Amino acid sequence: SALRIEKRGAHLRLLYSAGPMKNAPFKEVGGTDFDFRPTYVAVFAIKGFVSESADVPVYVDAFSQSTSHDCHQ
C-alpha cells in the first residue's frame, strides 16, 4: 500500500494505493483547501486502535519534494 499527499497552492489532496501490482494506481481519498507553509516534513506510522499487534518493519523506497510551477492552478 502507498499513501501520497499532494499540495498545490492552498489545495491538499490525499491519495491512497493498495493493490497486487507494484505500481497500482492512486485514488483520491479526500481533498481540501488549507493554506499553510510547512517548514519540516515528517513520516511516521502507528499501529492503530488494537491492543496487540506484531511490529512490522517499514522501508521507504523513495521520497521526493518538489515545487509545482503549474500556471493553471
PDB file of N, CA and C in Angstrom:
ATOM      1  N   SER A   1       0.845  -1.178   0.000  1.00  0.00           N
ATOM      2  CA  SER A   1       0.000   0.000   0.000  1.00  0.00           C
ATOM      3  C   SER A   1       0.885   1.235   0.000  1.00  0.00           C
ATOM      4  N   ALA A   2       0.320   2.337  -0.430  1.00  0.00           N
ATOM      5  CA  ALA A   2       1.082   3.583  -0.517  1.00  0.00           C
ATOM      6  C   ALA A   2       0.164   4.755  -0.212  1.00  0.00           C
ATOM      7  N   LEU A   3       0.709   5.771   0.384  1.00  0.00           N
ATOM      8  CA  LEU A   3      -0.009   6.996   0.707  1.00  0.00           C
ATOM      9  C   LEU A   3       0.729   8.149   0.046  1.00  0.00           C
ATOM     10  N   ARG A   4      -0.031   9.031  -0.550  1.00  0.00           N
ATOM     11  CA  ARG A   4       0.571  10.183  -1.228  1.00  0.00           C
ATOM     12  C   ARG A   4      -0.208  11.424  -0.839  1.00  0.00           C
ATOM     13  N   ILE A   5       0.517  12.456  -0.462  1.00  0.00           N
ATOM     14  CA  ILE A   5      -0.100  13.737  -0.121  1.00  0.00           C
ATOM     15  C   ILE A   5       0.450  14.772  -1.091  1.00  0.00           C
ATOM     16  N   GLU A   6      -0.443  15.427  -1.802  1.00  0.00           N
ATOM     17  CA  GLU A   6      -0.029  16.450  -2.763  1.00  0.00           C
ATOM     18  C   GLU A   6      -0.537  17.807  -2.296  1.00  0.00           C
ATOM     19  N   LYS A   7       0.312  18.817  -2.416  1.00  0.00           N
ATOM     20  CA  LYS A   7      -0.069  20.180  -2.078  1.00  0.00           C
ATOM     21  C   LYS A   7       0.258  21.060  -3.267  1.00  0.00           C
ATOM     22  N   ARG A   8      -0.752  21.725  -3.778  1.00  0.00           N
ATOM     23  CA  ARG A   8      -0.575  22.677  -4.866  1.00  0.00           C
ATOM     24  C   ARG A   8      -1.259  23.968  -4.463  1.00  0.00           C
ATOM     25  N   GLY A   9      -0.464  24.972  -4.203  1.00  0.00           N
ATOM     26  CA  GLY A   9      -1.027  26.209  -3.680  1.00  0.00           C
ATOM     27  C   GLY A   9      -1.624  25.946  -2.315  1.00  0.00           C
ATOM     28  N   ALA A  10      -2.909  26.245  -2.147  1.00  0.00           N
ATOM     29  CA  ALA A  10      -3.585  26.003  -0.874  1.00  0.00           C
ATOM     30  C   ALA A  10      -4.381  24.702  -0.890  1.00  0.00           C
ATOM     31  N   HIS A  11      -4.330  23.954  -1.998  1.00  0.00           N
ATOM     32  CA  HIS A  11      -5.144  22.735  -2.119  1.00  0.00           C
ATOM     33  C   HIS A  11      -4.327  21.500  -1.747  1.00  0.00           C
ATOM     34  N   LEU A  12      -4.856  20.691  -0.824  1.00  0.00           N
ATOM     35  CA  LEU A  12      -4.236  19.438  -0.416  1.00  0.00           C
ATOM     36  C   LEU A  12      -5.066  18.269  -0.930  1.00  0.00           C
ATOM     37  N   ARG A  13      -4.393  17.230  -1.412  1.00  0.00           N
ATOM     38  CA  ARG A  13      -5.059  16.000  -1.844  1.00  0.00           C
ATOM     39  C   ARG A  13      -4.415  14.825  -1.126  1.00  0.00           C
ATOM     40  N   LEU A  14      -5.233  13.912  -0.637  1.00  0.00           N
ATOM     41  CA  LEU A  14      -4.765  12.687  -0.016  1.00  0.00           C
ATOM     42  C   LEU A  14      -5.115  11.531  -0.952  1.00  0.00           C
ATOM     43  N   LEU A  15      -4.086  10.818  -1.401  1.00  0.00           N
ATOM     44  CA  LEU A  15      -4.276   9.716  -2.339  1.00  0.00           C
ATOM     45  C   LEU A  15      -3.772   8.427  -1.706  1.00  0.00           C
ATOM     46  N   TYR A  16      -4.426   7.314  -2.047  1.00  0.00           N
ATOM     47  CA  TYR A  16      -4.102   6.020  -1.475  1.00  0.00           C
ATOM     48  C   TYR A  16      -4.042   4.979  -2.577  1.00  0.00           C
ATOM     49  N   SER A  17      -3.096   4.069  -2.457  1.00  0.00           N
ATOM     50  CA  SER A  17      -2.971   2.994  -3.425  1.00  0.00           C
ATOM     51  C   SER A  17      -2.762   1.684  -2.693  1.00  0.00           C
ATOM     52  N   ALA A  18      -3.540   0.699  -3.037  1.00  0.00           N
ATOM     53  CA  ALA A  18      -3.376  -0.647  -2.479  1.00  0.00           C
ATOM     54  C   ALA A  18      -3.786  -1.630  -3.551  1.00  0.00           C
ATOM     55  N   GLY A  19      -2.879  -2.451  -3.935  1.00  0.00           N
ATOM     56  CA  GLY A  19      -3.194  -3.426  -4.960  1.00  0.00           C
ATOM     57  C   GLY A  19      -2.060  -4.415  -5.118  1.00  0.00           C
ATOM     58  N   PRO A  20      -2.303  -5.481  -5.846  1.00  0.00           N
ATOM     59  CA  PRO A  20      -1.281  -6.504  -6.010  1.00  0.00           C
ATOM     60  C   PRO A  20      -0.107  -6.063  -6.880  1.00  0.00           C
ATOM     61  N   MET A  21      -0.315  -5.061  -7.723  1.00  0.00           N
ATOM     62  CA  MET A  21       0.755  -4.589  -8.602  1.00  0.00           C
ATOM     63  C   MET A  21       1.610  -3.561  -7.875  1.00  0.00           C
ATOM     64  N   LYS A  22       2.891  -3.542  -8.176  1.00  0.00           N
ATOM     65  CA  LYS A  22       3.804  -2.591  -7.534  1.00  0.00           C
ATOM     66  C   LYS A  22       3.408  -1.146  -7.844  1.00  0.00           C
ATOM     67  N   ASN A  23       2.957  -0.887  -9.068  1.00  0.00           N
ATOM     68  CA  ASN A  23       2.576   0.464  -9.477  1.00  0.00           C
ATOM     69  C   ASN A  23       1.064   0.596  -9.605  1.00  0.00           C
ATOM     70  N   ALA A  24       0.343   0.130  -8.593  1.00  0.00           N
ATOM     71  CA  ALA A  24      -1.121   0.242  -8.603  1.00  0.00           C
ATOM     72  C   ALA A  24      -1.506   1.714  -8.638  1.00  0.00           C
ATOM     73  N   PRO A  25      -2.611   2.061  -9.295  1.00  0.00           N
ATOM     74  CA  PRO A  25      -2.991   3.468  -9.406  1.00  0.00           C
ATOM     75  C   PRO A  25      -3.429   4.058  -8.064  1.00  0.00           C
ATOM     76  N   PHE A  26      -3.189   5.345  -7.914  1.00  0.00           N
ATOM     77  CA  PHE A  26      -3.622   6.076  -6.722  1.00  0.00           C
ATOM     78  C   PHE A  26      -5.058   6.536  -6.908  1.00  0.00           C
ATOM     79  N   LYS A  27      -5.832   6.494  -5.825  1.00  0.00           N
ATOM     80  CA  LYS A  27      -7.199   7.008  -5.830  1.00  0.00           C
ATOM     81  C   LYS A  27      -7.280   8.117  -4.793  1.00  0.00           C
ATOM     82  N   GLU A  28      -7.967   9.191  -5.135  1.00  0.00           N
ATOM     83  CA  GLU A  28      -8.097  10.308  -4.204  1.00  0.00           C
ATOM     84  C   GLU A  28      -9.067   9.937  -3.094  1.00  0.00           C
ATOM     85  N   VAL A  29      -8.601  10.059  -1.860  1.00  0.00           N
ATOM     86  CA  VAL A  29      -9.421   9.774  -0.686  1.00  0.00           C
ATOM     87  C   VAL A  29     -10.122  11.043  -0.227  1.00  0.00           C
ATOM     88  N   GLY A  30      -9.460  12.164  -0.353  1.00  0.00           N
ATOM     89  CA  GLY A  30     -10.052  13.426   0.062  1.00  0.00           C
ATOM     90  C   GLY A  30      -9.190  14.591  -0.375  1.00  0.00           C
ATOM     91  N   GLY A  31      -9.769  15.754  -0.313  1.00  0.00           N
ATOM     92  CA  GLY A  31      -9.048  16.963  -0.679  1.00  0.00           C
ATOM     93  C   GLY A  31      -9.709  18.157  -0.030  1.00  0.00           C
ATOM     94  N   THR A  32      -8.910  19.166   0.233  1.00  0.00           N
ATOM     95  CA  THR A  32      -9.436  20.381   0.850  1.00  0.00           C
ATOM     96  C   THR A  32      -8.483  21.535   0.594  1.00  0.00           C
ATOM     97  N   ASP A  33      -8.983  22.738   0.744  1.00  0.00           N
ATOM     98  CA  ASP A  33      -8.134  23.915   0.683  1.00  0.00           C
ATOM     99  C   ASP A  33      -7.678  24.248   2.095  1.00  0.00           C
ATOM    100  N   PHE A  34      -6.386  24.306   2.264  1.00  0.00           N
ATOM    101  CA  PHE A  34      -5.798  24.551   3.582  1.00  0.00           C
ATOM    102  C   PHE A  34      -4.489  25.273   3.348  1.00  0.00           C
ATOM    103  N   ASP A  35      -4.459  26.554   3.616  1.00  0.00           N
ATOM    104  CA  ASP A  35      -3.275  27.355   3.312  1.00  0.00           C
ATOM    105  C   ASP A  35      -2.291  27.340   4.480  1.00  0.00           C
ATOM    106  N   PHE A  36      -1.191  26.645   4.306  1.00  0.00           N
ATOM    107  CA  PHE A  36      -0.115  26.655   5.283  1.00  0.00           C
ATOM    108  C   PHE A  36       1.193  26.399   4.541  1.00  0.00           C
ATOM    109  N   ARG A  37       2.274  26.796   5.140  1.00  0.00           N
ATOM    110  CA  ARG A  37       3.587  26.629   4.543  1.00  0.00           C
ATOM    111  C   ARG A  37       4.477  25.866   5.512  1.00  0.00           C
ATOM    112  N   PRO A  38       4.539  24.541   5.347  1.00  0.00           N
ATOM    113  CA  PRO A  38       5.311  23.732   6.290  1.00  0.00           C
ATOM    114  C   PRO A  38       6.807  24.018   6.196  1.00  0.00           C
ATOM    115  N   THR A  39       7.472  23.956   7.327  1.00  0.00           N
ATOM    116  CA  THR A  39       8.915  24.124   7.377  1.00  0.00           C
ATOM    117  C   THR A  39       9.601  22.765   7.361  1.00  0.00           C
ATOM    118  N   TYR A  40       8.944  21.758   7.940  1.00  0.00           N
ATOM    119  CA  TYR A  40       9.514  20.418   8.023  1.00  0.00           C
ATOM    120  C   TYR A  40       8.511  19.393   7.504  1.00  0.00           C
ATOM    121  N   VAL A  41       9.019  18.253   7.088  1.00  0.00           N
ATOM    122  CA  VAL A  41       8.194  17.131   6.666  1.00  0.00           C
ATOM    123  C   VAL A  41       8.586  15.937   7.521  1.00  0.00           C
ATOM    124  N   ALA A  42       7.594  15.218   8.044  1.00  0.00           N
ATOM    125  CA  ALA A  42       7.860  14.035   8.858  1.00  0.00           C
ATOM    126  C   ALA A  42       7.007  12.882   8.352  1.00  0.00           C
ATOM    127  N   VAL A  43       7.560  11.697   8.389  1.00  0.00           N
ATOM    128  CA  VAL A  43       6.841  10.493   8.006  1.00  0.00           C
ATOM    129  C   VAL A  43       6.848   9.571   9.214  1.00  0.00           C
ATOM    130  N   PHE A  44       5.672   9.064   9.588  1.00  0.00           N
ATOM    131  CA  PHE A  44       5.600   8.184  10.747  1.00  0.00           C
ATOM    132  C   PHE A  44       4.486   7.170  10.527  1.00  0.00           C
ATOM    133  N   ALA A  45       4.471   6.140  11.358  1.00  0.00           N
ATOM    134  CA  ALA A  45       3.436   5.111  11.278  1.00  0.00           C
ATOM    135  C   ALA A  45       2.989   4.757  12.690  1.00  0.00           C
ATOM    136  N   ILE A  46       1.715   4.398  12.822  1.00  0.00           N
ATOM    137  CA  ILE A  46       1.184   3.965  14.108  1.00  0.00           C
ATOM    138  C   ILE A  46       0.470   2.632  13.922  1.00  0.00           C
ATOM    139  N   LYS A  47       0.306   1.919  14.999  1.00  0.00           N
ATOM    140  CA  LYS A  47      -0.347   0.611  14.935  1.00  0.00           C
ATOM    141  C   LYS A  47      -1.861   0.719  14.815  1.00  0.00           C
ATOM    142  N   GLY A  48      -2.433   1.776  15.277  1.00  0.00           N
ATOM    143  CA  GLY A  48      -3.876   1.916  15.226  1.00  0.00           C
ATOM    144  C   GLY A  48      -4.517   1.593  16.564  1.00  0.00           C
ATOM    145  N   PHE A  49      -5.780   1.242  16.541  1.00  0.00           N
ATOM    146  CA  PHE A  49      -6.553   1.033  17.759  1.00  0.00           C
ATOM    147  C   PHE A  49      -6.670  -0.445  18.113  1.00  0.00           C
ATOM    148  N   VAL A  50      -5.557  -1.126  18.241  1.00  0.00           N
ATOM    149  CA  VAL A  50      -5.556  -2.532  18.622  1.00  0.00           C
ATOM    150  C   VAL A  50      -4.746  -2.693  19.898  1.00  0.00           C
ATOM    151  N   SER A  51      -5.113  -3.692  20.697  1.00  0.00           N
ATOM    152  CA  SER A  51      -4.396  -3.894  21.959  1.00  0.00           C
ATOM    153  C   SER A  51      -3.027  -4.514  21.721  1.00  0.00           C
ATOM    154  N   GLU A  52      -2.925  -5.425  20.766  1.00  0.00           N
ATOM    155  CA  GLU A  52      -1.646  -6.046  20.452  1.00  0.00           C
ATOM    156  C   GLU A  52      -1.543  -6.292  18.956  1.00  0.00           C
ATOM    157  N   SER A  53      -0.346  -6.103  18.444  1.00  0.00           N
ATOM    158  CA  SER A  53      -0.076  -6.431  17.051  1.00  0.00           C
ATOM    159  C   SER A  53       1.426  -6.602  16.894  1.00  0.00           C
ATOM    160  N   ALA A  54       1.799  -7.306  15.874  1.00  0.00           N
ATOM    161  CA  ALA A  54       3.219  -7.541  15.617  1.00  0.00           C
ATOM    162  C   ALA A  54       3.859  -6.285  15.039  1.00  0.00           C
ATOM    163  N   ASP A  55       5.088  -6.026  15.463  1.00  0.00           N
ATOM    164  CA  ASP A  55       5.842  -4.931  14.856  1.00  0.00           C
ATOM    165  C   ASP A  55       6.294  -5.367  13.469  1.00  0.00           C
ATOM    166  N   VAL A  56       6.088  -4.516  12.491  1.00  0.00           N
ATOM    167  CA  VAL A  56       6.457  -4.819  11.121  1.00  0.00           C
ATOM    168  C   VAL A  56       7.403  -3.727  10.641  1.00  0.00           C
ATOM    169  N   PRO A  57       8.578  -4.090  10.166  1.00  0.00           N
ATOM    170  CA  PRO A  57       9.495  -3.056   9.680  1.00  0.00           C
ATOM    171  C   PRO A  57       8.934  -2.357   8.445  1.00  0.00           C
ATOM    172  N   VAL A  58       9.210  -1.089   8.343  1.00  0.00           N
ATOM    173  CA  VAL A  58       8.752  -0.292   7.208  1.00  0.00           C
ATOM    174  C   VAL A  58       9.981   0.248   6.497  1.00  0.00           C
ATOM    175  N   TYR A  59       9.992   0.119   5.191  1.00  0.00           N
ATOM    176  CA  TYR A  59      11.102   0.611   4.389  1.00  0.00           C
ATOM    177  C   TYR A  59      10.578   1.671   3.429  1.00  0.00           C
ATOM    178  N   VAL A  60      11.208   2.811   3.401  1.00  0.00           N
ATOM    179  CA  VAL A  60      10.825   3.884   2.490  1.00  0.00           C
ATOM    180  C   VAL A  60      11.692   3.760   1.254  1.00  0.00           C
ATOM    181  N   ASP A  61      11.055   3.462   0.124  1.00  0.00           N
ATOM    182  CA  ASP A  61      11.796   3.294  -1.129  1.00  0.00           C
ATOM    183  C   ASP A  61      12.170   4.640  -1.747  1.00  0.00           C
ATOM    184  N   ALA A  62      11.288   5.613  -1.575  1.00  0.00           N
ATOM    185  CA  ALA A  62      11.559   6.896  -2.212  1.00  0.00           C
ATOM    186  C   ALA A  62      10.801   8.002  -1.496  1.00  0.00           C
ATOM    187  N   PHE A  63      11.360   9.179  -1.532  1.00  0.00           N
ATOM    188  CA  PHE A  63      10.705  10.370  -1.006  1.00  0.00           C
ATOM    189  C   PHE A  63      11.128  11.516  -1.887  1.00  0.00           C
ATOM    190  N   SER A  64      10.176  12.299  -2.328  1.00  0.00           N
ATOM    191  CA  SER A  64      10.532  13.465  -3.135  1.00  0.00           C
ATOM    192  C   SER A  64       9.668  14.642  -2.728  1.00  0.00           C
ATOM    193  N   GLN A  65      10.256  15.778  -2.797  1.00  0.00           N
ATOM    194  CA  GLN A  65       9.537  17.021  -2.528  1.00  0.00           C
ATOM    195  C   GLN A  65       9.852  17.941  -3.683  1.00  0.00           C
ATOM    196  N   SER A  66       8.814  18.453  -4.308  1.00  0.00           N
ATOM    197  CA  SER A  66       9.037  19.312  -5.466  1.00  0.00           C
ATOM    198  C   SER A  66       8.093  20.495  -5.413  1.00  0.00           C
ATOM    199  N   THR A  67       8.451  21.505  -6.124  1.00  0.00           N
ATOM    200  CA  THR A  67       7.629  22.713  -6.222  1.00  0.00           C
ATOM    201  C   THR A  67       6.885  22.682  -7.545  1.00  0.00           C
ATOM    202  N   SER A  68       5.596  22.907  -7.485  1.00  0.00           N
ATOM    203  CA  SER A  68       4.788  22.925  -8.699  1.00  0.00           C
ATOM    204  C   SER A  68       4.847  24.318  -9.328  1.00  0.00           C
ATOM    205  N   HIS A  69       5.154  24.369 -10.604  1.00  0.00           N
ATOM    206  CA  HIS A  69       5.173  25.641 -11.335  1.00  0.00           C
ATOM    207  C   HIS A  69       4.071  25.664 -12.370  1.00  0.00           C
ATOM    208  N   ASP A  70       2.980  24.971 -12.051  1.00  0.00           N
ATOM    209  CA  ASP A  70       1.847  24.888 -12.966  1.00  0.00           C
ATOM    210  C   ASP A  70       1.086  26.207 -12.938  1.00  0.00           C
ATOM    211  N   CYS A  71       0.996  26.895 -14.073  1.00  0.00           N
ATOM    212  CA  CYS A  71       0.313  28.172 -14.103  1.00  0.00           C
ATOM    213  C   CYS A  71      -1.201  28.016 -14.261  1.00  0.00           C
ATOM    214  N   HIS A  72      -1.718  26.772 -14.340  1.00  0.00           N
ATOM    215  CA  HIS A  72      -3.150  26.532 -14.485  1.00  0.00           C
ATOM    216  C   HIS A  72      -3.793  26.140 -13.173  1.00  0.00           C
ATOM    217  N   GLN A  73      -3.344  26.675 -12.068  1.00  0.00           N
ATOM    218  CA  GLN A  73      -3.889  26.328 -10.746  1.00  0.00           C
ATOM    219  C   GLN A  73      -5.192  27.035 -10.503  1.00  0.00           C
TER     220      GLN A  73
END
